[in-house]
């Protein structure tokens, strides 16, 4: 992200922190930003250790990006929209651990289905 994008992103996050929560009645949820923490917290048992892990998180980030744009006027880029930064992560991590990553597979990109991991051909 450029310096201007980072500044704009921070301002948009602060904007979400000023917007009212959509999910009233959940402990600790007061702002639109809190909605995202609560959503992740309550969905973790169903999403983590699931074949939908990557897909769910991509959708979660996409919805957050839409709110930052639509509710707070953010116009910059997003870290998740720069896939070249993630390419080869599986190879790097497997070299550190000395074994293949079971979920991602080696040489796969985080936003794509793995070609040899548990999510291959999903």
PDB file of N, CA and C in Angstrom:
ATOM      1  N   UNK A   1       0.842  -1.179   0.000  1.00  0.00           N
ATOM      2  CA  UNK A   1       0.000   0.000   0.000  1.00  0.00           C
ATOM      3  C   UNK A   1       0.890   1.246   0.000  1.00  0.00           C
ATOM      4  N   UNK A   2       0.450   2.208  -0.726  1.00  0.00           N
ATOM      5  CA  UNK A   2       1.192   3.464  -0.725  1.00  0.00           C
ATOM      6  C   UNK A   2       0.978   4.160   0.622  1.00  0.00           C
ATOM      7  N   UNK A   3       1.794   5.154   0.895  1.00  0.00           N
ATOM      8  CA  UNK A   3       1.656   5.913   2.131  1.00  0.00           C
ATOM      9  C   UNK A   3       0.287   6.594   2.200  1.00  0.00           C
ATOM     10  N   UNK A   4      -0.174   7.135   1.067  1.00  0.00           N
ATOM     11  CA  UNK A   4      -1.492   7.766   1.025  1.00  0.00           C
ATOM     12  C   UNK A   4      -2.601   6.746   1.274  1.00  0.00           C
ATOM     13  N   UNK A   5      -2.463   5.541   0.697  1.00  0.00           N
ATOM     14  CA  UNK A   5      -3.455   4.484   0.926  1.00  0.00           C
ATOM     15  C   UNK A   5      -3.493   4.075   2.397  1.00  0.00           C
ATOM     16  N   UNK A   6      -2.309   3.960   3.014  1.00  0.00           N
ATOM     17  CA  UNK A   6      -2.270   3.590   4.430  1.00  0.00           C
ATOM     18  C   UNK A   6      -2.953   4.642   5.294  1.00  0.00           C
ATOM     19  N   UNK A   7      -2.688   5.906   4.994  1.00  0.00           N
ATOM     20  CA  UNK A   7      -3.319   6.997   5.747  1.00  0.00           C
ATOM     21  C   UNK A   7      -4.833   6.955   5.535  1.00  0.00           C
ATOM     22  N   UNK A   8      -5.264   6.792   4.295  1.00  0.00           N
ATOM     23  CA  UNK A   8      -6.685   6.714   3.998  1.00  0.00           C
ATOM     24  C   UNK A   8      -7.341   5.509   4.645  1.00  0.00           C
ATOM     25  N   UNK A   9      -6.635   4.383   4.665  1.00  0.00           N
ATOM     26  CA  UNK A   9      -7.157   3.171   5.296  1.00  0.00           C
ATOM     27  C   UNK A   9      -7.360   3.401   6.789  1.00  0.00           C
ATOM     28  N   UNK A  10      -6.361   3.986   7.439  1.00  0.00           N
ATOM     29  CA  UNK A  10      -6.473   4.267   8.871  1.00  0.00           C
ATOM     30  C   UNK A  10      -7.645   5.198   9.155  1.00  0.00           C
ATOM     31  N   UNK A  11      -7.831   6.196   8.318  1.00  0.00           N
ATOM     32  CA  UNK A  11      -8.957   7.119   8.494  1.00  0.00           C
ATOM     33  C   UNK A  11     -10.292   6.398   8.299  1.00  0.00           C
ATOM     34  N   UNK A  12     -10.351   5.484   7.329  1.00  0.00           N
ATOM     35  CA  UNK A  12     -11.585   4.736   7.085  1.00  0.00           C
ATOM     36  C   UNK A  12     -11.897   3.793   8.246  1.00  0.00           C
ATOM     37  N   UNK A  13     -10.868   3.151   8.810  1.00  0.00           N
ATOM     38  CA  UNK A  13     -11.080   2.287   9.973  1.00  0.00           C
ATOM     39  C   UNK A  13     -11.589   3.128  11.140  1.00  0.00           C
ATOM     40  N   UNK A  14     -10.987   4.297  11.346  1.00  0.00           N
ATOM     41  CA  UNK A  14     -11.456   5.183  12.411  1.00  0.00           C
ATOM     42  C   UNK A  14     -12.893   5.628  12.152  1.00  0.00           C
ATOM     43  N   UNK A  15     -13.247   5.806  10.896  1.00  0.00           N
ATOM     44  CA  UNK A  15     -14.621   6.141  10.525  1.00  0.00           C
ATOM     45  C   UNK A  15     -15.570   5.012  10.937  1.00  0.00           C
ATOM     46  N   UNK A  16     -15.198   3.742  10.641  1.00  0.00           N
ATOM     47  CA  UNK A  16     -16.039   2.609  11.049  1.00  0.00           C
ATOM     48  C   UNK A  16     -16.179   2.548  12.565  1.00  0.00           C
ATOM     49  N   UNK A  17     -15.147   3.003  13.266  1.00  0.00           N
ATOM     50  CA  UNK A  17     -15.197   3.012  14.723  1.00  0.00           C
ATOM     51  C   UNK A  17     -16.174   4.062  15.250  1.00  0.00           C
ATOM     52  N   UNK A  18     -16.578   4.985  14.387  1.00  0.00           N
ATOM     53  CA  UNK A  18     -17.544   6.020  14.777  1.00  0.00           C
ATOM     54  C   UNK A  18     -18.972   5.665  14.358  1.00  0.00           C
ATOM     55  N   UNK A  19     -19.111   4.703  13.463  1.00  0.00           N
ATOM     56  CA  UNK A  19     -20.438   4.292  12.975  1.00  0.00           C
ATOM     57  C   UNK A  19     -21.079   3.331  13.978  1.00  0.00           C
ATOM     58  N   UNK A  20     -22.394   3.375  14.103  1.00  0.00           N
ATOM     59  CA  UNK A  20     -23.052   2.466  15.049  1.00  0.00           C
ATOM     60  C   UNK A  20     -22.992   1.007  14.577  1.00  0.00           C
ATOM     61  N   UNK A  21     -22.994   0.118  15.535  1.00  0.00           N
ATOM     62  CA  UNK A  21     -22.984  -1.319  15.243  1.00  0.00           C
ATOM     63  C   UNK A  21     -24.293  -1.725  14.590  1.00  0.00           C
ATOM     64  N   UNK A  22     -24.229  -2.709  13.710  1.00  0.00           N
ATOM     65  CA  UNK A  22     -25.430  -3.280  13.102  1.00  0.00           C
ATOM     66  C   UNK A  22     -25.981  -4.410  13.949  1.00  0.00           C
ATOM     67  N   UNK A  23     -25.090  -5.072  14.671  1.00  0.00           N
ATOM     68  CA  UNK A  23     -25.469  -6.240  15.469  1.00  0.00           C
ATOM     69  C   UNK A  23     -25.579  -5.829  16.935  1.00  0.00           C
ATOM     70  N   UNK A  24     -26.714  -5.322  17.279  1.00  0.00           N
ATOM     71  CA  UNK A  24     -26.965  -4.860  18.648  1.00  0.00           C
ATOM     72  C   UNK A  24     -27.126  -6.052  19.583  1.00  0.00           C
ATOM     73  N   UNK A  25     -26.749  -5.867  20.815  1.00  0.00           N
ATOM     74  CA  UNK A  25     -26.977  -6.896  21.822  1.00  0.00           C
ATOM     75  C   UNK A  25     -25.841  -7.888  22.010  1.00  0.00           C
ATOM     76  N   UNK A  26     -24.807  -7.816  21.199  1.00  0.00           N
ATOM     77  CA  UNK A  26     -23.658  -8.702  21.394  1.00  0.00           C
ATOM     78  C   UNK A  26     -22.692  -8.034  22.362  1.00  0.00           C
ATOM     79  N   UNK A  27     -22.139  -8.802  23.276  1.00  0.00           N
ATOM     80  CA  UNK A  27     -21.216  -8.248  24.262  1.00  0.00           C
ATOM     81  C   UNK A  27     -20.057  -7.525  23.602  1.00  0.00           C
ATOM     82  N   UNK A  28     -19.823  -6.296  24.021  1.00  0.00           N
ATOM     83  CA  UNK A  28     -18.683  -5.524  23.552  1.00  0.00           C
ATOM     84  C   UNK A  28     -18.844  -4.885  22.194  1.00  0.00           C
ATOM     85  N   UNK A  29     -19.946  -5.081  21.509  1.00  0.00           N
ATOM     86  CA  UNK A  29     -20.131  -4.535  20.165  1.00  0.00           C
ATOM     87  C   UNK A  29     -20.866  -3.198  20.270  1.00  0.00           C
ATOM     88  N   UNK A  30     -20.130  -2.133  19.921  1.00  0.00           N
ATOM     89  CA  UNK A  30     -20.710  -0.800  19.962  1.00  0.00           C
ATOM     90  C   UNK A  30     -20.614  -0.074  18.615  1.00  0.00           C
ATOM     91  N   UNK A  31     -19.634  -0.471  17.806  1.00  0.00           N
ATOM     92  CA  UNK A  31     -19.403   0.240  16.546  1.00  0.00           C
ATOM     93  C   UNK A  31     -19.422  -0.728  15.372  1.00  0.00           C
ATOM     94  N   UNK A  32     -19.450  -0.165  14.160  1.00  0.00           N
ATOM     95  CA  UNK A  32     -19.395  -0.993  12.949  1.00  0.00           C
ATOM     96  C   UNK A  32     -18.075  -1.766  12.894  1.00  0.00           C
ATOM     97  N   UNK A  33     -17.006  -1.194  13.411  1.00  0.00           N
ATOM     98  CA  UNK A  33     -15.727  -1.907  13.458  1.00  0.00           C
ATOM     99  C   UNK A  33     -15.832  -3.113  14.388  1.00  0.00           C
ATOM    100  N   UNK A  34     -16.505  -2.942  15.522  1.00  0.00           N
ATOM    101  CA  UNK A  34     -16.698  -4.045  16.465  1.00  0.00           C
ATOM    102  C   UNK A  34     -17.481  -5.193  15.832  1.00  0.00           C
ATOM    103  N   UNK A  35     -18.382  -4.866  14.906  1.00  0.00           N
ATOM    104  CA  UNK A  35     -19.149  -5.913  14.226  1.00  0.00           C
ATOM    105  C   UNK A  35     -18.227  -6.966  13.624  1.00  0.00           C
ATOM    106  N   UNK A  36     -17.117  -6.519  13.060  1.00  0.00           N
ATOM    107  CA  UNK A  36     -16.195  -7.452  12.401  1.00  0.00           C
ATOM    108  C   UNK A  36     -15.484  -8.353  13.396  1.00  0.00           C
ATOM    109  N   UNK A  37     -15.096  -7.804  14.536  1.00  0.00           N
ATOM    110  CA  UNK A  37     -14.481  -8.631  15.571  1.00  0.00           C
ATOM    111  C   UNK A  37     -15.452  -9.675  16.095  1.00  0.00           C
ATOM    112  N   UNK A  38     -16.690  -9.256  16.326  1.00  0.00           N
ATOM    113  CA  UNK A  38     -17.708 -10.181  16.833  1.00  0.00           C
ATOM    114  C   UNK A  38     -18.029 -11.252  15.800  1.00  0.00           C
ATOM    115  N   UNK A  39     -18.168 -10.849  14.546  1.00  0.00           N
ATOM    116  CA  UNK A  39     -18.451 -11.812  13.485  1.00  0.00           C
ATOM    117  C   UNK A  39     -17.370 -12.886  13.439  1.00  0.00           C
ATOM    118  N   UNK A  40     -16.123 -12.464  13.471  1.00  0.00           N
ATOM    119  CA  UNK A  40     -15.024 -13.421  13.423  1.00  0.00           C
ATOM    120  C   UNK A  40     -15.025 -14.302  14.672  1.00  0.00           C
ATOM    121  N   UNK A  41     -15.238 -13.699  15.820  1.00  0.00           N
ATOM    122  CA  UNK A  41     -15.236 -14.444  17.076  1.00  0.00           C
ATOM    123  C   UNK A  41     -16.310 -15.542  17.076  1.00  0.00           C
ATOM    124  N   UNK A  42     -17.522 -15.169  16.696  1.00  0.00           N
ATOM    125  CA  UNK A  42     -18.624 -16.135  16.753  1.00  0.00           C
ATOM    126  C   UNK A  42     -18.577 -17.173  15.636  1.00  0.00           C
ATOM    127  N   UNK A  43     -17.917 -16.869  14.533  1.00  0.00           N
ATOM    128  CA  UNK A  43     -17.835 -17.828  13.422  1.00  0.00           C
ATOM    129  C   UNK A  43     -16.606 -18.720  13.487  1.00  0.00           C
ATOM    130  N   UNK A  44     -15.618 -18.376  14.307  1.00  0.00           N
ATOM    131  CA  UNK A  44     -14.370 -19.136  14.374  1.00  0.00           C
ATOM    132  C   UNK A  44     -14.585 -20.635  14.572  1.00  0.00           C
ATOM    133  N   UNK A  45     -15.443 -21.083  15.493  1.00  0.00           N
ATOM    134  CA  UNK A  45     -15.596 -22.533  15.673  1.00  0.00           C
ATOM    135  C   UNK A  45     -16.113 -23.263  14.428  1.00  0.00           C
ATOM    136  N   UNK A  46     -16.820 -22.541  13.568  1.00  0.00           N
ATOM    137  CA  UNK A  46     -17.415 -23.166  12.380  1.00  0.00           C
ATOM    138  C   UNK A  46     -16.537 -23.040  11.141  1.00  0.00           C
ATOM    139  N   UNK A  47     -15.677 -22.030  11.131  1.00  0.00           N
ATOM    140  CA  UNK A  47     -14.891 -21.742   9.935  1.00  0.00           C
ATOM    141  C   UNK A  47     -13.482 -22.315  10.024  1.00  0.00           C
ATOM    142  N   UNK A  48     -12.839 -22.128  11.158  1.00  0.00           N
ATOM    143  CA  UNK A  48     -11.486 -22.657  11.309  1.00  0.00           C
ATOM    144  C   UNK A  48     -11.577 -24.179  11.345  1.00  0.00           C
ATOM    145  N   UNK A  49     -10.603 -24.838  10.822  1.00  0.00           N
ATOM    146  CA  UNK A  49     -10.609 -26.300  10.678  1.00  0.00           C
ATOM    147  C   UNK A  49     -11.724 -26.768   9.754  1.00  0.00           C
ATOM    148  N   UNK A  50     -12.031 -25.954   8.775  1.00  0.00           N
ATOM    149  CA  UNK A  50     -13.091 -26.280   7.826  1.00  0.00           C
ATOM    150  C   UNK A  50     -12.573 -26.057   6.408  1.00  0.00           C
ATOM    151  N   UNK A  51     -13.174 -26.734   5.475  1.00  0.00           N
ATOM    152  CA  UNK A  51     -12.793 -26.549   4.068  1.00  0.00           C
ATOM    153  C   UNK A  51     -13.140 -25.157   3.573  1.00  0.00           C
ATOM    154  N   UNK A  52     -14.010 -24.450   4.284  1.00  0.00           N
ATOM    155  CA  UNK A  52     -14.410 -23.103   3.864  1.00  0.00           C
ATOM    156  C   UNK A  52     -13.506 -22.013   4.424  1.00  0.00           C
ATOM    157  N   UNK A  53     -12.449 -22.382   5.115  1.00  0.00           N
ATOM    158  CA  UNK A  53     -11.569 -21.418   5.795  1.00  0.00           C
ATOM    159  C   UNK A  53     -11.135 -20.264   4.889  1.00  0.00           C
ATOM    160  N   UNK A  54     -10.500 -20.577   3.779  1.00  0.00           N
ATOM    161  CA  UNK A  54      -9.985 -19.516   2.907  1.00  0.00           C
ATOM    162  C   UNK A  54     -11.112 -18.732   2.242  1.00  0.00           C
ATOM    163  N   UNK A  55     -12.108 -19.438   1.758  1.00  0.00           N
ATOM    164  CA  UNK A  55     -13.231 -18.775   1.109  1.00  0.00           C
ATOM    165  C   UNK A  55     -13.945 -17.830   2.077  1.00  0.00           C
ATOM    166  N   UNK A  56     -14.185 -18.275   3.297  1.00  0.00           N
ATOM    167  CA  UNK A  56     -14.874 -17.449   4.284  1.00  0.00           C
ATOM    168  C   UNK A  56     -14.074 -16.184   4.580  1.00  0.00           C
ATOM    169  N   UNK A  57     -12.768 -16.318   4.760  1.00  0.00           N
ATOM    170  CA  UNK A  57     -11.940 -15.155   5.071  1.00  0.00           C
ATOM    171  C   UNK A  57     -11.836 -14.190   3.890  1.00  0.00           C
ATOM    172  N   UNK A  58     -11.821 -14.730   2.677  1.00  0.00           N
ATOM    173  CA  UNK A  58     -11.825 -13.835   1.511  1.00  0.00           C
ATOM    174  C   UNK A  58     -13.122 -13.040   1.473  1.00  0.00           C
ATOM    175  N   UNK A  59     -14.245 -13.692   1.746  1.00  0.00           N
ATOM    176  CA  UNK A  59     -15.531 -12.987   1.754  1.00  0.00           C
ATOM    177  C   UNK A  59     -15.577 -11.977   2.907  1.00  0.00           C
ATOM    178  N   UNK A  60     -15.104 -12.359   4.070  1.00  0.00           N
ATOM    179  CA  UNK A  60     -15.038 -11.474   5.243  1.00  0.00           C
ATOM    180  C   UNK A  60     -14.267 -10.202   4.891  1.00  0.00           C
ATOM    181  N   UNK A  61     -13.105 -10.364   4.282  1.00  0.00           N
ATOM    182  CA  UNK A  61     -12.300  -9.195   3.888  1.00  0.00           C
ATOM    183  C   UNK A  61     -13.002  -8.375   2.816  1.00  0.00           C
ATOM    184  N   UNK A  62     -13.667  -9.033   1.875  1.00  0.00           N
ATOM    185  CA  UNK A  62     -14.375  -8.314   0.818  1.00  0.00           C
ATOM    186  C   UNK A  62     -15.491  -7.452   1.407  1.00  0.00           C
ATOM    187  N   UNK A  63     -16.252  -8.001   2.357  1.00  0.00           N
ATOM    188  CA  UNK A  63     -17.329  -7.236   2.991  1.00  0.00           C
ATOM    189  C   UNK A  63     -16.749  -6.053   3.762  1.00  0.00           C
ATOM    190  N   UNK A  64     -15.657  -6.269   4.473  1.00  0.00           N
ATOM    191  CA  UNK A  64     -14.996  -5.172   5.179  1.00  0.00           C
ATOM    192  C   UNK A  64     -14.540  -4.095   4.191  1.00  0.00           C
ATOM    193  N   UNK A  65     -13.946  -4.517   3.090  1.00  0.00           N
ATOM    194  CA  UNK A  65     -13.510  -3.559   2.061  1.00  0.00           C
ATOM    195  C   UNK A  65     -14.687  -2.745   1.534  1.00  0.00           C
ATOM    196  N   UNK A  66     -15.826  -3.391   1.323  1.00  0.00           N
ATOM    197  CA  UNK A  66     -17.010  -2.674   0.828  1.00  0.00           C
ATOM    198  C   UNK A  66     -17.472  -1.639   1.845  1.00  0.00           C
ATOM    199  N   UNK A  67     -17.478  -1.992   3.123  1.00  0.00           N
ATOM    200  CA  UNK A  67     -17.870  -1.025   4.149  1.00  0.00           C
ATOM    201  C   UNK A  67     -16.895   0.139   4.222  1.00  0.00           C
ATOM    202  N   UNK A  68     -15.608  -0.150   4.129  1.00  0.00           N
ATOM    203  CA  UNK A  68     -14.629   0.937   4.158  1.00  0.00           C
ATOM    204  C   UNK A  68     -14.848   1.893   2.984  1.00  0.00           C
ATOM    205  N   UNK A  69     -15.190   1.340   1.833  1.00  0.00           N
ATOM    206  CA  UNK A  69     -15.449   2.179   0.653  1.00  0.00           C
ATOM    207  C   UNK A  69     -16.806   2.878   0.752  1.00  0.00           C
ATOM    208  N   UNK A  70     -17.877   2.104   0.984  1.00  0.00           N
ATOM    209  CA  UNK A  70     -19.237   2.635   0.897  1.00  0.00           C
ATOM    210  C   UNK A  70     -19.618   3.501   2.089  1.00  0.00           C
ATOM    211  N   UNK A  71     -19.228   3.101   3.280  1.00  0.00           N
ATOM    212  CA  UNK A  71     -19.609   3.848   4.478  1.00  0.00           C
ATOM    213  C   UNK A  71     -18.636   4.963   4.824  1.00  0.00           C
ATOM    214  N   UNK A  72     -17.373   4.779   4.416  1.00  0.00           N
ATOM    215  CA  UNK A  72     -16.345   5.717   4.871  1.00  0.00           C
ATOM    216  C   UNK A  72     -15.541   6.366   3.748  1.00  0.00           C
ATOM    217  N   UNK A  73     -15.886   6.080   2.504  1.00  0.00           N
ATOM    218  CA  UNK A  73     -15.267   6.771   1.377  1.00  0.00           C
ATOM    219  C   UNK A  73     -13.838   6.400   1.047  1.00  0.00           C
ATOM    220  N   UNK A  74     -13.361   5.262   1.538  1.00  0.00           N
ATOM    221  CA  UNK A  74     -11.992   4.848   1.226  1.00  0.00           C
ATOM    222  C   UNK A  74     -11.877   4.515  -0.257  1.00  0.00           C
ATOM    223  N   UNK A  75     -10.832   5.018  -0.900  1.00  0.00           N
ATOM    224  CA  UNK A  75     -10.653   4.800  -2.338  1.00  0.00           C
ATOM    225  C   UNK A  75      -9.337   4.105  -2.685  1.00  0.00           C
ATOM    226  N   UNK A  76      -8.525   3.822  -1.698  1.00  0.00           N
ATOM    227  CA  UNK A  76      -7.219   3.225  -1.970  1.00  0.00           C
ATOM    228  C   UNK A  76      -7.280   1.724  -2.161  1.00  0.00           C
ATOM    229  N   UNK A  77      -6.102   1.131  -2.270  1.00  0.00           N
ATOM    230  CA  UNK A  77      -5.987  -0.309  -2.443  1.00  0.00           C
ATOM    231  C   UNK A  77      -6.030  -1.022  -1.110  1.00  0.00           C
ATOM    232  N   UNK A  78      -6.093  -2.356  -1.191  1.00  0.00           N
ATOM    233  CA  UNK A  78      -6.109  -3.192   0.001  1.00  0.00           C
ATOM    234  C   UNK A  78      -4.969  -4.182  -0.074  1.00  0.00           C
ATOM    235  N   UNK A  79      -4.412  -4.508   1.058  1.00  0.00           N
ATOM    236  CA  UNK A  79      -3.301  -5.454   1.093  1.00  0.00           C
ATOM    237  C   UNK A  79      -3.697  -6.786   0.469  1.00  0.00           C
ATOM    238  N   UNK A  80      -4.925  -7.241   0.704  1.00  0.00           N
ATOM    239  CA  UNK A  80      -5.354  -8.516   0.155  1.00  0.00           C
ATOM    240  C   UNK A  80      -5.542  -8.458  -1.351  1.00  0.00           C
ATOM    241  N   UNK A  81      -5.569  -7.255  -1.922  1.00  0.00           N
ATOM    242  CA  UNK A  81      -5.736  -7.154  -3.367  1.00  0.00           C
ATOM    243  C   UNK A  81      -4.386  -7.064  -4.065  1.00  0.00           C
ATOM    244  N   UNK A  82      -3.309  -7.357  -3.351  1.00  0.00           N
ATOM    245  CA  UNK A  82      -1.968  -7.359  -3.928  1.00  0.00           C
ATOM    246  C   UNK A  82      -1.392  -8.772  -3.828  1.00  0.00           C
ATOM    247  N   UNK A  83      -1.912  -9.692  -4.665  1.00  0.00           N
ATOM    248  CA  UNK A  83      -1.551 -11.108  -4.513  1.00  0.00           C
ATOM    249  C   UNK A  83      -0.074 -11.403  -4.726  1.00  0.00           C
ATOM    250  N   UNK A  84       0.631 -10.559  -5.458  1.00  0.00           N
ATOM    251  CA  UNK A  84       2.047 -10.842  -5.690  1.00  0.00           C
ATOM    252  C   UNK A  84       2.836 -10.847  -4.386  1.00  0.00           C
ATOM    253  N   UNK A  85       2.323 -10.187  -3.359  1.00  0.00           N
ATOM    254  CA  UNK A  85       2.999 -10.178  -2.063  1.00  0.00           C
ATOM    255  C   UNK A  85       2.897 -11.536  -1.373  1.00  0.00           C
ATOM    256  N   UNK A  86       1.886 -12.348  -1.712  1.00  0.00           N
ATOM    257  CA  UNK A  86       1.651 -13.618  -1.048  1.00  0.00           C
ATOM    258  C   UNK A  86       2.215 -14.794  -1.828  1.00  0.00           C
ATOM    259  N   UNK A  87       2.546 -14.605  -3.087  1.00  0.00           N
ATOM    260  CA  UNK A  87       3.021 -15.715  -3.915  1.00  0.00           C
ATOM    261  C   UNK A  87       4.270 -16.332  -3.289  1.00  0.00           C
ATOM    262  N   UNK A  88       4.261 -17.631  -3.204  1.00  0.00           N
ATOM    263  CA  UNK A  88       5.422 -18.346  -2.682  1.00  0.00           C
ATOM    264  C   UNK A  88       5.442 -18.485  -1.168  1.00  0.00           C
ATOM    265  N   UNK A  89       4.425 -17.964  -0.471  1.00  0.00           N
ATOM    266  CA  UNK A  89       4.413 -18.057   0.982  1.00  0.00           C
ATOM    267  C   UNK A  89       4.450 -19.508   1.445  1.00  0.00           C
ATOM    268  N   UNK A  90       3.709 -20.378   0.755  1.00  0.00           N
ATOM    269  CA  UNK A  90       3.701 -21.789   1.126  1.00  0.00           C
ATOM    270  C   UNK A  90       5.086 -22.403   1.058  1.00  0.00           C
ATOM    271  N   UNK A  91       5.842 -22.062   0.003  1.00  0.00           N
ATOM    272  CA  UNK A  91       7.197 -22.589  -0.127  1.00  0.00           C
ATOM    273  C   UNK A  91       8.082 -22.077   0.998  1.00  0.00           C
ATOM    274  N   UNK A  92       7.944 -20.778   1.319  1.00  0.00           N
ATOM    275  CA  UNK A  92       8.763 -20.175   2.367  1.00  0.00           C
ATOM    276  C   UNK A  92       8.486 -20.835   3.715  1.00  0.00           C
ATOM    277  N   UNK A  93       7.200 -20.987   4.065  1.00  0.00           N
ATOM    278  CA  UNK A  93       6.859 -21.575   5.354  1.00  0.00           C
ATOM    279  C   UNK A  93       7.248 -23.039   5.430  1.00  0.00           C
ATOM    280  N   UNK A  94       7.113 -23.771   4.324  1.00  0.00           N
ATOM    281  CA  UNK A  94       7.480 -25.183   4.373  1.00  0.00           C
ATOM    282  C   UNK A  94       8.994 -25.328   4.498  1.00  0.00           C
ATOM    283  N   UNK A  95       9.761 -24.387   3.959  1.00  0.00           N
ATOM    284  CA  UNK A  95      11.210 -24.439   4.118  1.00  0.00           C
ATOM    285  C   UNK A  95      11.605 -24.204   5.570  1.00  0.00           C
ATOM    286  N   UNK A  96      10.842 -23.369   6.277  1.00  0.00           N
ATOM    287  CA  UNK A  96      11.132 -23.116   7.685  1.00  0.00           C
ATOM    288  C   UNK A  96      10.828 -24.352   8.516  1.00  0.00           C
ATOM    289  N   UNK A  97       9.674 -24.960   8.270  1.00  0.00           N
ATOM    290  CA  UNK A  97       9.253 -26.099   9.094  1.00  0.00           C
ATOM    291  C   UNK A  97       9.865 -27.415   8.621  1.00  0.00           C
ATOM    292  N   UNK A  98      10.345 -27.456   7.378  1.00  0.00           N
ATOM    293  CA  UNK A  98      10.921 -28.681   6.842  1.00  0.00           C
ATOM    294  C   UNK A  98       9.884 -29.675   6.356  1.00  0.00           C
ATOM    295  N   UNK A  99       8.618 -29.245   6.281  1.00  0.00           N
ATOM    296  CA  UNK A  99       7.583 -30.151   5.788  1.00  0.00           C
ATOM    297  C   UNK A  99       6.568 -29.350   4.988  1.00  0.00           C
ATOM    298  N   UNK A 100       5.741 -30.067   4.269  1.00  0.00           N
ATOM    299  CA  UNK A 100       4.717 -29.415   3.459  1.00  0.00           C
ATOM    300  C   UNK A 100       3.606 -28.889   4.352  1.00  0.00           C
ATOM    301  N   UNK A 101       3.017 -27.786   3.937  1.00  0.00           N
ATOM    302  CA  UNK A 101       1.873 -27.260   4.674  1.00  0.00           C
ATOM    303  C   UNK A 101       0.646 -28.076   4.319  1.00  0.00           C
ATOM    304  N   UNK A 102      -0.047 -28.649   5.274  1.00  0.00           N
ATOM    305  CA  UNK A 102      -1.154 -29.542   4.958  1.00  0.00           C
ATOM    306  C   UNK A 102      -2.352 -28.848   4.335  1.00  0.00           C
ATOM    307  N   UNK A 103      -2.603 -27.596   4.686  1.00  0.00           N
ATOM    308  CA  UNK A 103      -3.792 -26.936   4.175  1.00  0.00           C
ATOM    309  C   UNK A 103      -3.528 -26.284   2.826  1.00  0.00           C
ATOM    310  N   UNK A 104      -2.483 -25.490   2.740  1.00  0.00           N
ATOM    311  CA  UNK A 104      -2.246 -24.722   1.529  1.00  0.00           C
ATOM    312  C   UNK A 104      -1.568 -25.525   0.437  1.00  0.00           C
ATOM    313  N   UNK A 105      -0.733 -26.442   0.814  1.00  0.00           N
ATOM    314  CA  UNK A 105       0.092 -27.101  -0.183  1.00  0.00           C
ATOM    315  C   UNK A 105       1.288 -26.225  -0.479  1.00  0.00           C
ATOM    316  N   UNK A 106       2.261 -26.749  -1.123  1.00  0.00           N
ATOM    317  CA  UNK A 106       3.470 -25.996  -1.411  1.00  0.00           C
ATOM    318  C   UNK A 106       3.324 -25.299  -2.752  1.00  0.00           C
ATOM    319  N   UNK A 107       3.698 -24.041  -2.783  1.00  0.00           N
ATOM    320  CA  UNK A 107       3.687 -23.291  -4.032  1.00  0.00           C
ATOM    321  C   UNK A 107       2.322 -22.747  -4.398  1.00  0.00           C
ATOM    322  N   UNK A 108       1.359 -22.842  -3.524  1.00  0.00           N
ATOM    323  CA  UNK A 108       0.039 -22.302  -3.829  1.00  0.00           C
ATOM    324  C   UNK A 108      -0.052 -20.877  -3.316  1.00  0.00           C
ATOM    325  N   UNK A 109      -1.009 -20.162  -3.842  1.00  0.00           N
ATOM    326  CA  UNK A 109      -1.254 -18.803  -3.389  1.00  0.00           C
ATOM    327  C   UNK A 109      -2.399 -18.845  -2.394  1.00  0.00           C
ATOM    328  N   UNK A 110      -2.382 -17.941  -1.423  1.00  0.00           N
ATOM    329  CA  UNK A 110      -3.374 -17.982  -0.359  1.00  0.00           C
ATOM    330  C   UNK A 110      -4.788 -17.781  -0.865  1.00  0.00           C
ATOM    331  N   UNK A 111      -4.967 -17.007  -1.927  1.00  0.00           N
ATOM    332  CA  UNK A 111      -6.318 -16.706  -2.392  1.00  0.00           C
ATOM    333  C   UNK A 111      -6.808 -17.705  -3.436  1.00  0.00           C
ATOM    334  N   UNK A 112      -6.017 -18.699  -3.768  1.00  0.00           N
ATOM    335  CA  UNK A 112      -6.425 -19.714  -4.723  1.00  0.00           C
ATOM    336  C   UNK A 112      -6.507 -21.062  -4.029  1.00  0.00           C
ATOM    337  N   UNK A 113      -7.247 -21.965  -4.623  1.00  0.00           N
ATOM    338  CA  UNK A 113      -7.291 -23.311  -4.059  1.00  0.00           C
ATOM    339  C   UNK A 113      -5.928 -23.962  -4.219  1.00  0.00           C
ATOM    340  N   UNK A 114      -5.541 -24.716  -3.229  1.00  0.00           N
ATOM    341  CA  UNK A 114      -4.267 -25.428  -3.297  1.00  0.00           C
ATOM    342  C   UNK A 114      -4.330 -26.527  -4.337  1.00  0.00           C
ATOM    343  N   UNK A 115      -3.224 -26.822  -4.943  1.00  0.00           N
ATOM    344  CA  UNK A 115      -3.219 -27.887  -5.941  1.00  0.00           C
ATOM    345  C   UNK A 115      -2.794 -29.218  -5.340  1.00  0.00           C
ATOM    346  N   UNK A 116      -2.265 -29.196  -4.112  1.00  0.00           N
ATOM    347  CA  UNK A 116      -1.890 -30.462  -3.495  1.00  0.00           C
ATOM    348  C   UNK A 116      -2.151 -30.496  -1.992  1.00  0.00           C
ATOM    349  N   UNK A 117      -2.863 -29.533  -1.480  1.00  0.00           N
ATOM    350  CA  UNK A 117      -3.194 -29.523  -0.050  1.00  0.00           C
ATOM    351  C   UNK A 117      -4.581 -30.081   0.186  1.00  0.00           C
ATOM    352  N   UNK A 118      -5.077 -29.911   1.414  1.00  0.00           N
ATOM    353  CA  UNK A 118      -6.388 -30.431   1.778  1.00  0.00           C
ATOM    354  C   UNK A 118      -7.522 -29.775   1.001  1.00  0.00           C
ATOM    355  N   UNK A 119      -7.282 -28.561   0.499  1.00  0.00           N
ATOM    356  CA  UNK A 119      -8.352 -27.870  -0.225  1.00  0.00           C
ATOM    357  C   UNK A 119      -8.221 -28.025  -1.728  1.00  0.00           C
ATOM    358  N   UNK A 120      -7.365 -28.915  -2.168  1.00  0.00           N
ATOM    359  CA  UNK A 120      -7.204 -29.147  -3.605  1.00  0.00           C
ATOM    360  C   UNK A 120      -8.514 -29.628  -4.214  1.00  0.00           C
ATOM    361  N   UNK A 121      -8.779 -29.145  -5.391  1.00  0.00           N
ATOM    362  CA  UNK A 121      -9.961 -29.537  -6.180  1.00  0.00           C
ATOM    363  C   UNK A 121     -11.277 -29.286  -5.454  1.00  0.00           C
ATOM    364  N   UNK A 122     -11.316 -28.277  -4.570  1.00  0.00           N
ATOM    365  CA  UNK A 122     -12.571 -27.942  -3.876  1.00  0.00           C
ATOM    366  C   UNK A 122     -13.369 -27.010  -4.742  1.00  0.00           C
TER     367      UNK A 122
END
